[in-house]
Amino acid sequence: ENTPYMLALSVFEPDVTKQADEMLASLKRKVSTAAWLTAGLVGLGCLLLAGLVYWFNNEMARPLQKLAQYLGAVQDGGYRTELTLTEEEAGSLEMKEIVANMHKMLVALRFCNKKYTEGDTVKEMDTCCDALDLVLKTRNQPGEGICYNNMGNICRALEAKKAVYSRTFTF
């Protein structure tokens, strides 16, 4: 019935926890690798974001700032200030179109503007020729008539002063 013998086993603790320790070490390596990978991706994302901000600043913000400064200066100066922002400097296609339209608008604002020409008949003829180029491109017949009429008046005024002015332009 009852056995008077007892069985005793002794096991060293490292033998018992060996598998658990190996699993824990493996888990620590995986967590460490994931943390470094996450940090690297976050760093790469920050660099990419910084690059995008730099690109946006150069392609969009700077040309817009330059255009805004110009608009403030041109209004106060009687449209005598030239637009120094070229289409090449504008960057994006949209900004290039805005700059091209600003040049056209400047031609229209200078046309027959005494504050701009300040009585200079050569400058008046230049603005009429620029305006004529614009109205010919847009096929604006009433505008053509006005330009030719103003050019005739300027030529009459130049003849009266015995001045000669010639400028070639294409139709």
C-alpha atoms as a PDB file:
ATOM      1  CA  GLU A   1       0.000   0.000   0.000  1.00  0.00           C
ATOM      2  CA  ASN A   2       2.183   2.959   0.954  1.00  0.00           C
ATOM      3  CA  THR A   3       5.719   2.841  -0.158  1.00  0.00           C
ATOM      4  CA  PRO A   4       8.216   4.021   2.309  1.00  0.00           C
ATOM      5  CA  TYR A   5      10.417   5.432  -0.446  1.00  0.00           C
ATOM      6  CA  MET A   6      10.413   9.007  -1.646  1.00  0.00           C
ATOM      7  CA  LEU A   7      11.734  10.170  -4.898  1.00  0.00           C
ATOM      8  CA  ALA A   8      13.501  13.531  -4.979  1.00  0.00           C
ATOM      9  CA  LEU A   9      14.616  15.329  -8.078  1.00  0.00           C
ATOM     10  CA  SER A  10      16.889  18.247  -8.114  1.00  0.00           C
ATOM     11  CA  VAL A  11      17.096  20.480 -11.156  1.00  0.00           C
ATOM     12  CA  PHE A  12      19.260  23.486 -11.632  1.00  0.00           C
ATOM     13  CA  GLU A  13      17.319  26.724 -12.184  1.00  0.00           C
ATOM     14  CA  PRO A  14      19.077  27.643 -15.475  1.00  0.00           C
ATOM     15  CA  ASP A  15      17.958  24.311 -16.922  1.00  0.00           C
ATOM     16  CA  VAL A  16      14.349  25.065 -16.030  1.00  0.00           C
ATOM     17  CA  THR A  17      14.329  28.656 -17.337  1.00  0.00           C
ATOM     18  CA  LYS A  18      16.536  28.069 -20.390  1.00  0.00           C
ATOM     19  CA  GLN A  19      13.701  28.036 -22.909  1.00  0.00           C
ATOM     20  CA  ALA A  20      11.985  31.018 -21.329  1.00  0.00           C
ATOM     21  CA  ASP A  21      15.283  32.944 -21.254  1.00  0.00           C
ATOM     22  CA  GLU A  22      15.898  32.167 -24.943  1.00  0.00           C
ATOM     23  CA  MET A  23      12.382  33.330 -25.831  1.00  0.00           C
ATOM     24  CA  LEU A  24      12.862  36.508 -23.781  1.00  0.00           C
ATOM     25  CA  ALA A  25      16.212  37.263 -25.490  1.00  0.00           C
ATOM     26  CA  SER A  26      14.656  36.676 -28.915  1.00  0.00           C
ATOM     27  CA  LEU A  27      11.749  38.959 -28.054  1.00  0.00           C
ATOM     28  CA  LYS A  28      14.148  41.684 -26.831  1.00  0.00           C
ATOM     29  CA  ARG A  29      16.100  41.460 -30.119  1.00  0.00           C
ATOM     30  CA  LYS A  30      12.889  41.743 -32.134  1.00  0.00           C
ATOM     31  CA  VAL A  31      11.656  44.722 -30.109  1.00  0.00           C
ATOM     32  CA  SER A  32      15.054  46.406 -30.410  1.00  0.00           C
ATOM     33  CA  THR A  33      15.129  45.807 -34.171  1.00  0.00           C
ATOM     34  CA  ALA A  34      11.578  47.163 -34.536  1.00  0.00           C
ATOM     35  CA  ALA A  35      12.473  50.246 -32.467  1.00  0.00           C
ATOM     36  CA  TRP A  36      15.559  50.989 -34.581  1.00  0.00           C
ATOM     37  CA  LEU A  37      13.626  50.387 -37.780  1.00  0.00           C
ATOM     38  CA  THR A  38      10.844  52.714 -36.605  1.00  0.00           C
ATOM     39  CA  ALA A  39      13.362  55.389 -35.612  1.00  0.00           C
ATOM     40  CA  GLY A  40      15.058  55.071 -38.997  1.00  0.00           C
ATOM     41  CA  LEU A  41      11.768  55.371 -40.868  1.00  0.00           C
ATOM     42  CA  VAL A  42      10.738  58.377 -38.774  1.00  0.00           C
ATOM     43  CA  GLY A  43      14.122  59.999 -39.500  1.00  0.00           C
ATOM     44  CA  LEU A  44      13.771  59.263 -43.206  1.00  0.00           C
ATOM     45  CA  GLY A  45      10.247  60.682 -43.139  1.00  0.00           C
ATOM     46  CA  CYS A  46      11.529  63.852 -41.474  1.00  0.00           C
ATOM     47  CA  LEU A  47      14.214  64.248 -44.135  1.00  0.00           C
ATOM     48  CA  LEU A  48      11.649  63.699 -46.871  1.00  0.00           C
ATOM     49  CA  LEU A  49       9.320  66.241 -45.276  1.00  0.00           C
ATOM     50  CA  ALA A  50      12.162  68.769 -44.975  1.00  0.00           C
ATOM     51  CA  GLY A  51      12.935  68.244 -48.664  1.00  0.00           C
ATOM     52  CA  LEU A  52       9.299  68.775 -49.609  1.00  0.00           C
ATOM     53  CA  VAL A  53       9.127  71.950 -47.527  1.00  0.00           C
ATOM     54  CA  TYR A  54      12.311  73.242 -49.206  1.00  0.00           C
ATOM     55  CA  TRP A  55      10.915  72.404 -52.657  1.00  0.00           C
ATOM     56  CA  PHE A  56       7.561  74.025 -51.894  1.00  0.00           C
ATOM     57  CA  ASN A  57       9.279  77.138 -50.593  1.00  0.00           C
ATOM     58  CA  ASN A  58      11.389  77.474 -53.737  1.00  0.00           C
ATOM     59  CA  GLU A  59       8.715  76.493 -56.243  1.00  0.00           C
ATOM     60  CA  MET A  60       5.652  78.193 -54.804  1.00  0.00           C
ATOM     61  CA  ALA A  61       6.158  80.416 -51.801  1.00  0.00           C
ATOM     62  CA  ARG A  62       9.162  82.459 -52.956  1.00  0.00           C
ATOM     63  CA  PRO A  63       7.697  83.334 -56.374  1.00  0.00           C
ATOM     64  CA  LEU A  64       4.389  84.231 -54.706  1.00  0.00           C
ATOM     65  CA  GLN A  65       6.189  86.453 -52.190  1.00  0.00           C
ATOM     66  CA  LYS A  66       8.110  88.142 -55.004  1.00  0.00           C
ATOM     67  CA  LEU A  67       4.886  88.664 -56.948  1.00  0.00           C
ATOM     68  CA  ALA A  68       3.117  90.118 -53.906  1.00  0.00           C
ATOM     69  CA  GLN A  69       6.012  92.530 -53.285  1.00  0.00           C
ATOM     70  CA  TYR A  70       5.927  93.565 -56.919  1.00  0.00           C
ATOM     71  CA  LEU A  71       2.175  94.211 -56.859  1.00  0.00           C
ATOM     72  CA  GLY A  72       2.611  96.513 -53.866  1.00  0.00           C
ATOM     73  CA  ALA A  73       5.463  98.404 -55.515  1.00  0.00           C
ATOM     74  CA  VAL A  74       3.867  98.671 -58.956  1.00  0.00           C
ATOM     75  CA  GLN A  75       0.650 100.178 -57.685  1.00  0.00           C
ATOM     76  CA  ASP A  76       2.462 102.879 -55.718  1.00  0.00           C
ATOM     77  CA  GLY A  77       4.905 103.630 -58.550  1.00  0.00           C
ATOM     78  CA  GLY A  78       2.442 104.294 -61.369  1.00  0.00           C
ATOM     79  CA  TYR A  79       3.238 100.938 -63.000  1.00  0.00           C
ATOM     80  CA  ARG A  80       6.803 102.070 -63.788  1.00  0.00           C
ATOM     81  CA  THR A  81       8.338  99.155 -61.891  1.00  0.00           C
ATOM     82  CA  GLU A  82       9.199  96.218 -64.136  1.00  0.00           C
ATOM     83  CA  LEU A  83       8.225  92.685 -63.182  1.00  0.00           C
ATOM     84  CA  THR A  84      11.579  91.024 -62.526  1.00  0.00           C
ATOM     85  CA  LEU A  85      10.100  87.581 -61.909  1.00  0.00           C
ATOM     86  CA  THR A  86      10.535  85.631 -65.127  1.00  0.00           C
ATOM     87  CA  GLU A  87       8.500  82.641 -66.191  1.00  0.00           C
ATOM     88  CA  GLU A  88      11.584  80.448 -65.683  1.00  0.00           C
ATOM     89  CA  GLU A  89      11.926  81.619 -62.072  1.00  0.00           C
ATOM     90  CA  ALA A  90       8.237  81.036 -61.429  1.00  0.00           C
ATOM     91  CA  GLY A  91       8.672  77.290 -61.052  1.00  0.00           C
ATOM     92  CA  SER A  92       5.387  75.447 -61.465  1.00  0.00           C
ATOM     93  CA  LEU A  93       3.208  75.634 -64.569  1.00  0.00           C
ATOM     94  CA  GLU A  94       0.550  77.487 -62.623  1.00  0.00           C
ATOM     95  CA  MET A  95       3.017  80.118 -61.432  1.00  0.00           C
ATOM     96  CA  LYS A  96       4.397  80.485 -64.975  1.00  0.00           C
ATOM     97  CA  GLU A  97       0.879  81.167 -66.214  1.00  0.00           C
ATOM     98  CA  ILE A  98       0.310  83.707 -63.443  1.00  0.00           C
ATOM     99  CA  VAL A  99       3.554  85.520 -64.330  1.00  0.00           C
ATOM    100  CA  ALA A 100       2.671  85.542 -68.050  1.00  0.00           C
ATOM    101  CA  ASN A 101      -0.765  86.970 -67.235  1.00  0.00           C
ATOM    102  CA  MET A 102       0.818  89.550 -64.917  1.00  0.00           C
ATOM    103  CA  HIS A 103       2.952  90.749 -67.827  1.00  0.00           C
ATOM    104  CA  LYS A 104      -0.202  91.068 -69.956  1.00  0.00           C
ATOM    105  CA  MET A 105      -2.017  92.866 -67.164  1.00  0.00           C
ATOM    106  CA  LEU A 106       0.897  95.262 -66.804  1.00  0.00           C
ATOM    107  CA  VAL A 107       0.662  96.084 -70.521  1.00  0.00           C
ATOM    108  CA  ALA A 108      -3.045  96.802 -70.103  1.00  0.00           C
ATOM    109  CA  LEU A 109      -2.503  98.956 -67.002  1.00  0.00           C
ATOM    110  CA  ARG A 110       0.226 100.991 -68.695  1.00  0.00           C
ATOM    111  CA  PHE A 111      -1.777 101.572 -71.887  1.00  0.00           C
ATOM    112  CA  CYS A 112      -2.722 105.281 -72.118  1.00  0.00           C
ATOM    113  CA  ASN A 113      -1.649 105.753 -68.498  1.00  0.00           C
ATOM    114  CA  LYS A 114      -0.260 109.297 -68.189  1.00  0.00           C
ATOM    115  CA  LYS A 115       1.176 108.505 -64.765  1.00  0.00           C
ATOM    116  CA  TYR A 116       3.302 105.797 -66.394  1.00  0.00           C
ATOM    117  CA  THR A 117       4.368 107.584 -69.588  1.00  0.00           C
ATOM    118  CA  GLU A 118       4.803 111.003 -67.947  1.00  0.00           C
ATOM    119  CA  GLY A 119       4.418 112.733 -71.328  1.00  0.00           C
ATOM    120  CA  ASP A 120       7.216 110.721 -72.970  1.00  0.00           C
ATOM    121  CA  THR A 121       5.917 110.088 -76.508  1.00  0.00           C
ATOM    122  CA  VAL A 122       8.421 107.302 -77.138  1.00  0.00           C
ATOM    123  CA  LYS A 123       7.206 105.512 -74.013  1.00  0.00           C
ATOM    124  CA  GLU A 124       3.615 106.125 -75.138  1.00  0.00           C
ATOM    125  CA  MET A 125       4.386 104.524 -78.506  1.00  0.00           C
ATOM    126  CA  ASP A 126       6.044 101.557 -76.752  1.00  0.00           C
ATOM    127  CA  THR A 127       2.947 100.973 -74.616  1.00  0.00           C
ATOM    128  CA  CYS A 128       0.713 101.242 -77.685  1.00  0.00           C
ATOM    129  CA  CYS A 129       2.867  98.711 -79.556  1.00  0.00           C
ATOM    130  CA  ASP A 130       2.830  96.331 -76.568  1.00  0.00           C
ATOM    131  CA  ALA A 131      -0.931  96.733 -76.295  1.00  0.00           C
ATOM    132  CA  LEU A 132      -1.337  96.184 -80.031  1.00  0.00           C
ATOM    133  CA  ASP A 133       0.614  92.936 -79.796  1.00  0.00           C
ATOM    134  CA  LEU A 134      -1.713  91.843 -77.007  1.00  0.00           C
ATOM    135  CA  VAL A 135      -4.967  92.757 -78.767  1.00  0.00           C
ATOM    136  CA  LEU A 136      -3.802  91.136 -82.007  1.00  0.00           C
ATOM    137  CA  LYS A 137      -3.135  87.877 -80.145  1.00  0.00           C
ATOM    138  CA  THR A 138      -6.573  88.019 -78.529  1.00  0.00           C
ATOM    139  CA  ARG A 139      -8.280  89.111 -81.800  1.00  0.00           C
ATOM    140  CA  ASN A 140      -9.810  92.129 -80.098  1.00  0.00           C
ATOM    141  CA  GLN A 141     -10.853  94.327 -83.061  1.00  0.00           C
ATOM    142  CA  PRO A 142     -12.093  97.305 -81.019  1.00  0.00           C
ATOM    143  CA  GLY A 143      -8.804  97.192 -79.129  1.00  0.00           C
ATOM    144  CA  GLU A 144      -6.874  97.181 -82.418  1.00  0.00           C
ATOM    145  CA  GLY A 145      -8.727 100.287 -83.518  1.00  0.00           C
ATOM    146  CA  ILE A 146      -7.957 102.079 -80.285  1.00  0.00           C
ATOM    147  CA  CYS A 147      -4.266 101.130 -80.502  1.00  0.00           C
ATOM    148  CA  TYR A 148      -3.954 102.265 -84.131  1.00  0.00           C
ATOM    149  CA  ASN A 149      -5.787 105.496 -83.338  1.00  0.00           C
ATOM    150  CA  ASN A 150      -3.493 106.229 -80.387  1.00  0.00           C
ATOM    151  CA  MET A 151      -0.422 105.348 -82.461  1.00  0.00           C
ATOM    152  CA  GLY A 152      -1.575 107.761 -85.159  1.00  0.00           C
ATOM    153  CA  ASN A 153      -2.056 110.505 -82.584  1.00  0.00           C
ATOM    154  CA  ILE A 154       1.416 109.859 -81.187  1.00  0.00           C
ATOM    155  CA  CYS A 155       2.962 109.943 -84.688  1.00  0.00           C
ATOM    156  CA  ARG A 156       1.206 113.249 -85.355  1.00  0.00           C
ATOM    157  CA  ALA A 157       2.604 114.601 -82.079  1.00  0.00           C
ATOM    158  CA  LEU A 158       6.073 113.324 -82.970  1.00  0.00           C
ATOM    159  CA  GLU A 159       5.883 114.914 -86.438  1.00  0.00           C
ATOM    160  CA  ALA A 160       4.993 118.162 -84.796  1.00  0.00           C
ATOM    161  CA  LYS A 161       8.147 117.886 -82.700  1.00  0.00           C
ATOM    162  CA  LYS A 162      10.185 116.840 -85.782  1.00  0.00           C
ATOM    163  CA  ALA A 163      11.145 113.611 -84.054  1.00  0.00           C
ATOM    164  CA  VAL A 164      11.478 110.309 -85.780  1.00  0.00           C
ATOM    165  CA  TYR A 165      10.547 107.063 -84.126  1.00  0.00           C
ATOM    166  CA  SER A 166      10.391 103.645 -85.618  1.00  0.00           C
ATOM    167  CA  ARG A 167       9.654 100.332 -84.081  1.00  0.00           C
ATOM    168  CA  THR A 168       9.021  97.065 -85.795  1.00  0.00           C
ATOM    169  CA  PHE A 169       6.496  94.549 -84.612  1.00  0.00           C
ATOM    170  CA  THR A 170       4.882  91.496 -86.130  1.00  0.00           C
ATOM    171  CA  PHE A 171       1.255  90.976 -86.894  1.00  0.00           C
END
